[in-house]
Amino acid sequence: MATVTAAQRGPAVVVTVTGDLDPASLAALHTDLVRLIAASAYRLVVDLTGTAGEPTGTARVLADVAQRVGRRRGWLRVAGGALTEAPAGTTLHDSVTSALG
């Protein structure tokens, strides 16, 4: 099971995910990210550095969230993790610092 925390860093919210991204964790992550968007967080950095799990499900969740935040003229950036290709509407970064830059 993964743990999700969020913190404001300048104009963006950094969402740090740690642990195993199993199907239940991915559903919870999706819910958490959608709630952040509903609370007017339109610039999101999702830090997957401390995660393990299946990248296909992770990519689907992030692509959906990127589409939602994109409708509000925001963006979603991904730092770390096992993804080898950026999900639709996102960019991949080596670190949170790079994603915020």
PDB file of N, CA and C in Angstrom:
ATOM      1  N   MET A   1       0.840  -1.172   0.000  1.00  0.00           N
ATOM      2  CA  MET A   1       0.000   0.000   0.000  1.00  0.00           C
ATOM      3  C   MET A   1       0.889   1.240   0.000  1.00  0.00           C
ATOM      4  N   ALA A   2       0.533   2.208  -0.792  1.00  0.00           N
ATOM      5  CA  ALA A   2       1.322   3.430  -0.915  1.00  0.00           C
ATOM      6  C   ALA A   2       0.812   4.504   0.047  1.00  0.00           C
ATOM      7  N   THR A   3       1.709   5.408   0.386  1.00  0.00           N
ATOM      8  CA  THR A   3       1.383   6.576   1.188  1.00  0.00           C
ATOM      9  C   THR A   3       1.529   7.802   0.300  1.00  0.00           C
ATOM     10  N   VAL A   4       0.574   8.732   0.420  1.00  0.00           N
ATOM     11  CA  VAL A   4       0.575   9.938  -0.402  1.00  0.00           C
ATOM     12  C   VAL A   4       0.559  11.151   0.515  1.00  0.00           C
ATOM     13  N   THR A   5       1.509  12.085   0.289  1.00  0.00           N
ATOM     14  CA  THR A   5       1.508  13.357   1.004  1.00  0.00           C
ATOM     15  C   THR A   5       1.605  14.480  -0.020  1.00  0.00           C
ATOM     16  N   ALA A   6       1.072  15.629   0.335  1.00  0.00           N
ATOM     17  CA  ALA A   6       1.100  16.779  -0.577  1.00  0.00           C
ATOM     18  C   ALA A   6       1.587  18.005   0.176  1.00  0.00           C
ATOM     19  N   ALA A   7       2.404  18.822  -0.504  1.00  0.00           N
ATOM     20  CA  ALA A   7       2.923  20.048   0.087  1.00  0.00           C
ATOM     21  C   ALA A   7       3.061  21.110  -0.993  1.00  0.00           C
ATOM     22  N   GLN A   8       2.681  22.325  -0.660  1.00  0.00           N
ATOM     23  CA  GLN A   8       2.831  23.452  -1.576  1.00  0.00           C
ATOM     24  C   GLN A   8       4.303  23.808  -1.681  1.00  0.00           C
ATOM     25  N   ARG A   9       4.815  23.954  -2.905  1.00  0.00           N
ATOM     26  CA  ARG A   9       6.190  24.405  -3.149  1.00  0.00           C
ATOM     27  C   ARG A   9       6.119  25.477  -4.216  1.00  0.00           C
ATOM     28  N   GLY A  10       6.100  26.730  -3.793  1.00  0.00           N
ATOM     29  CA  GLY A  10       5.936  27.821  -4.747  1.00  0.00           C
ATOM     30  C   GLY A  10       4.566  27.719  -5.382  1.00  0.00           C
ATOM     31  N   PRO A  11       4.500  27.850  -6.707  1.00  0.00           N
ATOM     32  CA  PRO A  11       3.197  27.807  -7.377  1.00  0.00           C
ATOM     33  C   PRO A  11       2.663  26.392  -7.611  1.00  0.00           C
ATOM     34  N   ALA A  12       3.427  25.375  -7.204  1.00  0.00           N
ATOM     35  CA  ALA A  12       3.030  23.984  -7.475  1.00  0.00           C
ATOM     36  C   ALA A  12       2.762  23.230  -6.176  1.00  0.00           C
ATOM     37  N   VAL A  13       2.027  22.147  -6.314  1.00  0.00           N
ATOM     38  CA  VAL A  13       1.846  21.205  -5.212  1.00  0.00           C
ATOM     39  C   VAL A  13       2.661  19.962  -5.551  1.00  0.00           C
ATOM     40  N   VAL A  14       3.554  19.582  -4.639  1.00  0.00           N
ATOM     41  CA  VAL A  14       4.347  18.369  -4.815  1.00  0.00           C
ATOM     42  C   VAL A  14       3.644  17.242  -4.067  1.00  0.00           C
ATOM     43  N   VAL A  15       3.302  16.212  -4.810  1.00  0.00           N
ATOM     44  CA  VAL A  15       2.638  15.037  -4.254  1.00  0.00           C
ATOM     45  C   VAL A  15       3.682  13.927  -4.199  1.00  0.00           C
ATOM     46  N   THR A  16       4.047  13.528  -2.987  1.00  0.00           N
ATOM     47  CA  THR A  16       5.063  12.500  -2.798  1.00  0.00           C
ATOM     48  C   THR A  16       4.377  11.171  -2.513  1.00  0.00           C
ATOM     49  N   VAL A  17       4.720  10.181  -3.309  1.00  0.00           N
ATOM     50  CA  VAL A  17       4.127   8.851  -3.185  1.00  0.00           C
ATOM     51  C   VAL A  17       5.238   7.880  -2.805  1.00  0.00           C
ATOM     52  N   THR A  18       5.011   7.089  -1.750  1.00  0.00           N
ATOM     53  CA  THR A  18       5.982   6.081  -1.338  1.00  0.00           C
ATOM     54  C   THR A  18       5.266   4.748  -1.135  1.00  0.00           C
ATOM     55  N   GLY A  19       5.962   3.671  -1.445  1.00  0.00           N
ATOM     56  CA  GLY A  19       5.404   2.340  -1.235  1.00  0.00           C
ATOM     57  C   GLY A  19       5.009   1.658  -2.530  1.00  0.00           C
ATOM     58  N   ASP A  20       4.246   0.587  -2.382  1.00  0.00           N
ATOM     59  CA  ASP A  20       3.843  -0.246  -3.511  1.00  0.00           C
ATOM     60  C   ASP A  20       2.589   0.311  -4.175  1.00  0.00           C
ATOM     61  N   LEU A  21       2.658   0.549  -5.467  1.00  0.00           N
ATOM     62  CA  LEU A  21       1.508   1.056  -6.219  1.00  0.00           C
ATOM     63  C   LEU A  21       0.686  -0.115  -6.757  1.00  0.00           C
ATOM     64  N   ASP A  22      -0.051  -0.742  -5.858  1.00  0.00           N
ATOM     65  CA  ASP A  22      -0.960  -1.820  -6.238  1.00  0.00           C
ATOM     66  C   ASP A  22      -2.278  -1.192  -6.711  1.00  0.00           C
ATOM     67  N   PRO A  23      -3.221  -1.971  -7.215  1.00  0.00           N
ATOM     68  CA  PRO A  23      -4.470  -1.390  -7.728  1.00  0.00           C
ATOM     69  C   PRO A  23      -5.220  -0.517  -6.715  1.00  0.00           C
ATOM     70  N   ALA A  24      -5.271  -0.932  -5.452  1.00  0.00           N
ATOM     71  CA  ALA A  24      -5.962  -0.122  -4.440  1.00  0.00           C
ATOM     72  C   ALA A  24      -5.241   1.205  -4.217  1.00  0.00           C
ATOM     73  N   SER A  25      -3.911   1.167  -4.189  1.00  0.00           N
ATOM     74  CA  SER A  25      -3.129   2.395  -4.013  1.00  0.00           C
ATOM     75  C   SER A  25      -3.291   3.331  -5.200  1.00  0.00           C
ATOM     76  N   LEU A  26      -3.340   2.777  -6.407  1.00  0.00           N
ATOM     77  CA  LEU A  26      -3.533   3.611  -7.598  1.00  0.00           C
ATOM     78  C   LEU A  26      -4.894   4.289  -7.575  1.00  0.00           C
ATOM     79  N   ALA A  27      -5.921   3.582  -7.130  1.00  0.00           N
ATOM     80  CA  ALA A  27      -7.257   4.184  -7.026  1.00  0.00           C
ATOM     81  C   ALA A  27      -7.250   5.312  -6.000  1.00  0.00           C
ATOM     82  N   ALA A  28      -6.584   5.092  -4.865  1.00  0.00           N
ATOM     83  CA  ALA A  28      -6.494   6.128  -3.840  1.00  0.00           C
ATOM     84  C   ALA A  28      -5.687   7.323  -4.335  1.00  0.00           C
ATOM     85  N   LEU A  29      -4.594   7.073  -5.048  1.00  0.00           N
ATOM     86  CA  LEU A  29      -3.791   8.157  -5.613  1.00  0.00           C
ATOM     87  C   LEU A  29      -4.626   8.982  -6.581  1.00  0.00           C
ATOM     88  N   HIS A  30      -5.370   8.324  -7.438  1.00  0.00           N
ATOM     89  CA  HIS A  30      -6.230   9.029  -8.390  1.00  0.00           C
ATOM     90  C   HIS A  30      -7.215   9.922  -7.645  1.00  0.00           C
ATOM     91  N   THR A  31      -7.862   9.385  -6.623  1.00  0.00           N
ATOM     92  CA  THR A  31      -8.822  10.165  -5.832  1.00  0.00           C
ATOM     93  C   THR A  31      -8.143  11.367  -5.193  1.00  0.00           C
ATOM     94  N   ASP A  32      -6.969  11.168  -4.602  1.00  0.00           N
ATOM     95  CA  ASP A  32      -6.242  12.274  -3.966  1.00  0.00           C
ATOM     96  C   ASP A  32      -5.889  13.364  -4.974  1.00  0.00           C
ATOM     97  N   LEU A  33      -5.422  12.983  -6.148  1.00  0.00           N
ATOM     98  CA  LEU A  33      -5.043  13.973  -7.160  1.00  0.00           C
ATOM     99  C   LEU A  33      -6.261  14.730  -7.683  1.00  0.00           C
ATOM    100  N   VAL A  34      -7.359  14.047  -7.885  1.00  0.00           N
ATOM    101  CA  VAL A  34      -8.588  14.714  -8.344  1.00  0.00           C
ATOM    102  C   VAL A  34      -9.077  15.697  -7.282  1.00  0.00           C
ATOM    103  N   ARG A  35      -8.966  15.334  -6.015  1.00  0.00           N
ATOM    104  CA  ARG A  35      -9.356  16.254  -4.928  1.00  0.00           C
ATOM    105  C   ARG A  35      -8.473  17.500  -4.914  1.00  0.00           C
ATOM    106  N   LEU A  36      -7.185  17.326  -5.159  1.00  0.00           N
ATOM    107  CA  LEU A  36      -6.296  18.488  -5.218  1.00  0.00           C
ATOM    108  C   LEU A  36      -6.702  19.429  -6.348  1.00  0.00           C
ATOM    109  N   ILE A  37      -7.040  18.868  -7.490  1.00  0.00           N
ATOM    110  CA  ILE A  37      -7.487  19.697  -8.617  1.00  0.00           C
ATOM    111  C   ILE A  37      -8.767  20.433  -8.244  1.00  0.00           C
ATOM    112  N   ALA A  38      -9.693  19.750  -7.594  1.00  0.00           N
ATOM    113  CA  ALA A  38     -10.949  20.378  -7.168  1.00  0.00           C
ATOM    114  C   ALA A  38     -10.694  21.517  -6.181  1.00  0.00           C
ATOM    115  N   ALA A  39      -9.587  21.429  -5.449  1.00  0.00           N
ATOM    116  CA  ALA A  39      -9.213  22.475  -4.493  1.00  0.00           C
ATOM    117  C   ALA A  39      -8.317  23.535  -5.136  1.00  0.00           C
ATOM    118  N   SER A  40      -8.302  23.587  -6.460  1.00  0.00           N
ATOM    119  CA  SER A  40      -7.588  24.608  -7.242  1.00  0.00           C
ATOM    120  C   SER A  40      -6.084  24.400  -7.342  1.00  0.00           C
ATOM    121  N   ALA A  41      -5.618  23.177  -7.214  1.00  0.00           N
ATOM    122  CA  ALA A  41      -4.203  22.880  -7.460  1.00  0.00           C
ATOM    123  C   ALA A  41      -4.075  22.495  -8.929  1.00  0.00           C
ATOM    124  N   TYR A  42      -3.572  23.415  -9.745  1.00  0.00           N
ATOM    125  CA  TYR A  42      -3.494  23.192 -11.189  1.00  0.00           C
ATOM    126  C   TYR A  42      -2.077  22.943 -11.681  1.00  0.00           C
ATOM    127  N   ARG A  43      -1.107  23.018 -10.796  1.00  0.00           N
ATOM    128  CA  ARG A  43       0.283  22.710 -11.125  1.00  0.00           C
ATOM    129  C   ARG A  43       0.737  21.633 -10.156  1.00  0.00           C
ATOM    130  N   LEU A  44       0.884  20.434 -10.673  1.00  0.00           N
ATOM    131  CA  LEU A  44       1.189  19.286  -9.826  1.00  0.00           C
ATOM    132  C   LEU A  44       2.497  18.624 -10.237  1.00  0.00           C
ATOM    133  N   VAL A  45       3.304  18.293  -9.242  1.00  0.00           N
ATOM    134  CA  VAL A  45       4.482  17.452  -9.438  1.00  0.00           C
ATOM    135  C   VAL A  45       4.237  16.189  -8.623  1.00  0.00           C
ATOM    136  N   VAL A  46       4.229  15.049  -9.282  1.00  0.00           N
ATOM    137  CA  VAL A  46       4.046  13.772  -8.595  1.00  0.00           C
ATOM    138  C   VAL A  46       5.411  13.103  -8.494  1.00  0.00           C
ATOM    139  N   ASP A  47       5.884  12.951  -7.259  1.00  0.00           N
ATOM    140  CA  ASP A  47       7.194  12.351  -6.997  1.00  0.00           C
ATOM    141  C   ASP A  47       7.014  10.856  -6.742  1.00  0.00           C
ATOM    142  N   LEU A  48       7.465  10.046  -7.692  1.00  0.00           N
ATOM    143  CA  LEU A  48       7.350   8.592  -7.603  1.00  0.00           C
ATOM    144  C   LEU A  48       8.665   7.922  -7.213  1.00  0.00           C
ATOM    145  N   THR A  49       9.629   8.704  -6.740  1.00  0.00           N
ATOM    146  CA  THR A  49      10.957   8.176  -6.441  1.00  0.00           C
ATOM    147  C   THR A  49      10.908   6.995  -5.475  1.00  0.00           C
ATOM    148  N   GLY A  50      10.059   7.057  -4.473  1.00  0.00           N
ATOM    149  CA  GLY A  50      10.011   6.017  -3.450  1.00  0.00           C
ATOM    150  C   GLY A  50       8.973   4.943  -3.698  1.00  0.00           C
ATOM    151  N   THR A  51       8.657   4.677  -4.962  1.00  0.00           N
ATOM    152  CA  THR A  51       7.593   3.712  -5.254  1.00  0.00           C
ATOM    153  C   THR A  51       8.108   2.466  -5.952  1.00  0.00           C
ATOM    154  N   ALA A  52       7.297   1.436  -5.858  1.00  0.00           N
ATOM    155  CA  ALA A  52       7.497   0.203  -6.617  1.00  0.00           C
ATOM    156  C   ALA A  52       6.124  -0.193  -7.133  1.00  0.00           C
ATOM    157  N   GLY A  53       6.107  -0.912  -8.203  1.00  0.00           N
ATOM    158  CA  GLY A  53       4.815  -1.369  -8.699  1.00  0.00           C
ATOM    159  C   GLY A  53       4.738  -1.324 -10.203  1.00  0.00           C
ATOM    160  N   GLU A  54       3.566  -1.597 -10.682  1.00  0.00           N
ATOM    161  CA  GLU A  54       3.286  -1.785 -12.100  1.00  0.00           C
ATOM    162  C   GLU A  54       3.135  -0.431 -12.807  1.00  0.00           C
ATOM    163  N   PRO A  55       4.030  -0.107 -13.755  1.00  0.00           N
ATOM    164  CA  PRO A  55       4.003   1.208 -14.388  1.00  0.00           C
ATOM    165  C   PRO A  55       2.798   1.471 -15.292  1.00  0.00           C
ATOM    166  N   THR A  56       2.182   0.436 -15.862  1.00  0.00           N
ATOM    167  CA  THR A  56       1.074   0.675 -16.789  1.00  0.00           C
ATOM    168  C   THR A  56      -0.106   1.321 -16.088  1.00  0.00           C
ATOM    169  N   GLY A  57      -0.479   0.805 -14.927  1.00  0.00           N
ATOM    170  CA  GLY A  57      -1.580   1.394 -14.165  1.00  0.00           C
ATOM    171  C   GLY A  57      -1.252   2.799 -13.701  1.00  0.00           C
ATOM    172  N   THR A  58      -0.008   3.006 -13.299  1.00  0.00           N
ATOM    173  CA  THR A  58       0.435   4.336 -12.882  1.00  0.00           C
ATOM    174  C   THR A  58       0.311   5.315 -14.038  1.00  0.00           C
ATOM    175  N   ALA A  59       0.737   4.915 -15.210  1.00  0.00           N
ATOM    176  CA  ALA A  59       0.655   5.784 -16.389  1.00  0.00           C
ATOM    177  C   ALA A  59      -0.790   6.145 -16.702  1.00  0.00           C
ATOM    178  N   ARG A  60      -1.706   5.189 -16.572  1.00  0.00           N
ATOM    179  CA  ARG A  60      -3.124   5.477 -16.843  1.00  0.00           C
ATOM    180  C   ARG A  60      -3.673   6.516 -15.877  1.00  0.00           C
ATOM    181  N   VAL A  61      -3.364   6.349 -14.599  1.00  0.00           N
ATOM    182  CA  VAL A  61      -3.829   7.308 -13.584  1.00  0.00           C
ATOM    183  C   VAL A  61      -3.277   8.696 -13.888  1.00  0.00           C
ATOM    184  N   LEU A  62      -1.984   8.782 -14.163  1.00  0.00           N
ATOM    185  CA  LEU A  62      -1.365  10.086 -14.406  1.00  0.00           C
ATOM    186  C   LEU A  62      -1.871  10.727 -15.693  1.00  0.00           C
ATOM    187  N   ALA A  63      -2.115   9.947 -16.727  1.00  0.00           N
ATOM    188  CA  ALA A  63      -2.653  10.495 -17.978  1.00  0.00           C
ATOM    189  C   ALA A  63      -4.041  11.079 -17.753  1.00  0.00           C
ATOM    190  N   ASP A  64      -4.873  10.396 -16.973  1.00  0.00           N
ATOM    191  CA  ASP A  64      -6.212  10.920 -16.686  1.00  0.00           C
ATOM    192  C   ASP A  64      -6.133  12.222 -15.894  1.00  0.00           C
ATOM    193  N   VAL A  65      -5.286  12.246 -14.877  1.00  0.00           N
ATOM    194  CA  VAL A  65      -5.144  13.450 -14.058  1.00  0.00           C
ATOM    195  C   VAL A  65      -4.555  14.591 -14.888  1.00  0.00           C
ATOM    196  N   ALA A  66      -3.598  14.297 -15.751  1.00  0.00           N
ATOM    197  CA  ALA A  66      -3.019  15.330 -16.622  1.00  0.00           C
ATOM    198  C   ALA A  66      -4.085  15.937 -17.525  1.00  0.00           C
ATOM    199  N   GLN A  67      -4.978  15.113 -18.034  1.00  0.00           N
ATOM    200  CA  GLN A  67      -6.062  15.623 -18.876  1.00  0.00           C
ATOM    201  C   GLN A  67      -6.971  16.548 -18.066  1.00  0.00           C
ATOM    202  N   ARG A  68      -7.291  16.160 -16.840  1.00  0.00           N
ATOM    203  CA  ARG A  68      -8.156  16.981 -15.987  1.00  0.00           C
ATOM    204  C   ARG A  68      -7.510  18.331 -15.655  1.00  0.00           C
ATOM    205  N   VAL A  69      -6.237  18.303 -15.274  1.00  0.00           N
ATOM    206  CA  VAL A  69      -5.562  19.544 -14.913  1.00  0.00           C
ATOM    207  C   VAL A  69      -5.303  20.394 -16.162  1.00  0.00           C
ATOM    208  N   GLY A  70      -5.093  19.749 -17.301  1.00  0.00           N
ATOM    209  CA  GLY A  70      -4.898  20.478 -18.554  1.00  0.00           C
ATOM    210  C   GLY A  70      -6.123  21.278 -18.959  1.00  0.00           C
ATOM    211  N   ARG A  71      -7.309  20.764 -18.643  1.00  0.00           N
ATOM    212  CA  ARG A  71      -8.543  21.515 -18.931  1.00  0.00           C
ATOM    213  C   ARG A  71      -8.606  22.816 -18.151  1.00  0.00           C
ATOM    214  N   ARG A  72      -7.848  22.890 -17.090  1.00  0.00           N
ATOM    215  CA  ARG A  72      -7.803  24.102 -16.262  1.00  0.00           C
ATOM    216  C   ARG A  72      -6.534  24.910 -16.538  1.00  0.00           C
ATOM    217  N   ARG A  73      -5.898  24.594 -17.660  1.00  0.00           N
ATOM    218  CA  ARG A  73      -4.669  25.268 -18.100  1.00  0.00           C
ATOM    219  C   ARG A  73      -3.506  25.086 -17.134  1.00  0.00           C
ATOM    220  N   GLY A  74      -3.510  23.957 -16.458  1.00  0.00           N
ATOM    221  CA  GLY A  74      -2.423  23.621 -15.551  1.00  0.00           C
ATOM    222  C   GLY A  74      -1.518  22.577 -16.170  1.00  0.00           C
ATOM    223  N   TRP A  75      -0.679  21.965 -15.335  1.00  0.00           N
ATOM    224  CA  TRP A  75       0.212  20.923 -15.820  1.00  0.00           C
ATOM    225  C   TRP A  75       0.474  19.887 -14.742  1.00  0.00           C
ATOM    226  N   LEU A  76       0.943  18.729 -15.204  1.00  0.00           N
ATOM    227  CA  LEU A  76       1.341  17.634 -14.325  1.00  0.00           C
ATOM    228  C   LEU A  76       2.724  17.186 -14.760  1.00  0.00           C
ATOM    229  N   ARG A  77       3.649  17.153 -13.811  1.00  0.00           N
ATOM    230  CA  ARG A  77       5.009  16.687 -14.076  1.00  0.00           C
ATOM    231  C   ARG A  77       5.315  15.526 -13.141  1.00  0.00           C
ATOM    232  N   VAL A  78       6.077  14.580 -13.624  1.00  0.00           N
ATOM    233  CA  VAL A  78       6.375  13.367 -12.869  1.00  0.00           C
ATOM    234  C   VAL A  78       7.872  13.300 -12.593  1.00  0.00           C
ATOM    235  N   ALA A  79       8.233  13.062 -11.335  1.00  0.00           N
ATOM    236  CA  ALA A  79       9.637  12.933 -10.943  1.00  0.00           C
ATOM    237  C   ALA A  79       9.901  11.513 -10.466  1.00  0.00           C
ATOM    238  N   GLY A  80      10.990  10.923 -10.954  1.00  0.00           N
ATOM    239  CA  GLY A  80      11.416   9.607 -10.507  1.00  0.00           C
ATOM    240  C   GLY A  80      10.459   8.494 -10.897  1.00  0.00           C
ATOM    241  N   GLY A  81      10.642   7.345 -10.280  1.00  0.00           N
ATOM    242  CA  GLY A  81       9.763   6.209 -10.526  1.00  0.00           C
ATOM    243  C   GLY A  81      10.221   5.332 -11.671  1.00  0.00           C
ATOM    244  N   ALA A  82       9.406   4.327 -11.972  1.00  0.00           N
ATOM    245  CA  ALA A  82       9.761   3.306 -12.958  1.00  0.00           C
ATOM    246  C   ALA A  82       9.239   3.590 -14.360  1.00  0.00           C
ATOM    247  N   LEU A  83       8.564   4.706 -14.553  1.00  0.00           N
ATOM    248  CA  LEU A  83       8.038   5.004 -15.888  1.00  0.00           C
ATOM    249  C   LEU A  83       9.189   5.275 -16.848  1.00  0.00           C
ATOM    250  N   THR A  84       9.102   4.717 -18.041  1.00  0.00           N
ATOM    251  CA  THR A  84      10.133   4.954 -19.050  1.00  0.00           C
ATOM    252  C   THR A  84       9.648   5.910 -20.130  1.00  0.00           C
ATOM    253  N   GLU A  85       8.347   6.114 -20.210  1.00  0.00           N
ATOM    254  CA  GLU A  85       7.761   7.074 -21.144  1.00  0.00           C
ATOM    255  C   GLU A  85       6.786   7.952 -20.387  1.00  0.00           C
ATOM    256  N   ALA A  86       6.732   9.206 -20.774  1.00  0.00           N
ATOM    257  CA  ALA A  86       5.807  10.130 -20.127  1.00  0.00           C
ATOM    258  C   ALA A  86       4.375   9.794 -20.523  1.00  0.00           C
ATOM    259  N   PRO A  87       3.494   9.633 -19.536  1.00  0.00           N
ATOM    260  CA  PRO A  87       2.082   9.459 -19.881  1.00  0.00           C
ATOM    261  C   PRO A  87       1.572  10.687 -20.632  1.00  0.00           C
ATOM    262  N   ALA A  88       0.552  10.509 -21.434  1.00  0.00           N
ATOM    263  CA  ALA A  88      -0.011  11.616 -22.217  1.00  0.00           C
ATOM    264  C   ALA A  88      -0.267  12.823 -21.323  1.00  0.00           C
ATOM    265  N   GLY A  89       0.209  13.974 -21.767  1.00  0.00           N
ATOM    266  CA  GLY A  89      -0.032  15.224 -21.053  1.00  0.00           C
ATOM    267  C   GLY A  89       0.914  15.503 -19.910  1.00  0.00           C
ATOM    268  N   THR A  90       1.934  14.668 -19.739  1.00  0.00           N
ATOM    269  CA  THR A  90       2.884  14.876 -18.650  1.00  0.00           C
ATOM    270  C   THR A  90       4.304  14.984 -19.196  1.00  0.00           C
ATOM    271  N   THR A  91       5.215  15.351 -18.313  1.00  0.00           N
ATOM    272  CA  THR A  91       6.639  15.296 -18.633  1.00  0.00           C
ATOM    273  C   THR A  91       7.347  14.548 -17.514  1.00  0.00           C
ATOM    274  N   LEU A  92       8.385  13.797 -17.870  1.00  0.00           N
ATOM    275  CA  LEU A  92       9.174  13.054 -16.887  1.00  0.00           C
ATOM    276  C   LEU A  92      10.421  13.841 -16.508  1.00  0.00           C
ATOM    277  N   HIS A  93      10.767  13.789 -15.222  1.00  0.00           N
ATOM    278  CA  HIS A  93      11.944  14.494 -14.714  1.00  0.00           C
ATOM    279  C   HIS A  93      12.713  13.574 -13.777  1.00  0.00           C
ATOM    280  N   ASP A  94      14.010  13.807 -13.655  1.00  0.00           N
ATOM    281  CA  ASP A  94      14.851  12.998 -12.772  1.00  0.00           C
ATOM    282  C   ASP A  94      14.611  13.297 -11.300  1.00  0.00           C
ATOM    283  N   SER A  95      14.169  14.520 -11.000  1.00  0.00           N
ATOM    284  CA  SER A  95      14.011  14.925  -9.603  1.00  0.00           C
ATOM    285  C   SER A  95      12.871  15.930  -9.476  1.00  0.00           C
ATOM    286  N   VAL A  96      12.448  16.134  -8.252  1.00  0.00           N
ATOM    287  CA  VAL A  96      11.425  17.147  -7.983  1.00  0.00           C
ATOM    288  C   VAL A  96      11.967  18.526  -8.331  1.00  0.00           C
ATOM    289  N   THR A  97      13.224  18.780  -7.998  1.00  0.00           N
ATOM    290  CA  THR A  97      13.830  20.078  -8.311  1.00  0.00           C
ATOM    291  C   THR A  97      13.771  20.357  -9.804  1.00  0.00           C
ATOM    292  N   SER A  98      14.107  19.366 -10.604  1.00  0.00           N
ATOM    293  CA  SER A  98      14.037  19.514 -12.063  1.00  0.00           C
ATOM    294  C   SER A  98      12.604  19.753 -12.520  1.00  0.00           C
ATOM    295  N   ALA A  99      11.660  19.035 -11.942  1.00  0.00           N
ATOM    296  CA  ALA A  99      10.257  19.187 -12.331  1.00  0.00           C
ATOM    297  C   ALA A  99       9.715  20.565 -11.978  1.00  0.00           C
ATOM    298  N   LEU A 100      10.211  21.146 -10.899  1.00  0.00           N
ATOM    299  CA  LEU A 100       9.748  22.473 -10.490  1.00  0.00           C
ATOM    300  C   LEU A 100      10.392  23.588 -11.298  1.00  0.00           C
ATOM    301  N   GLY A 101      11.553  23.297 -11.912  1.00  0.00           N
ATOM    302  CA  GLY A 101      12.321  24.314 -12.632  1.00  0.00           C
ATOM    303  C   GLY A 101      11.748  24.748 -13.928  1.00  0.00           C
TER     304      GLY A 101
END
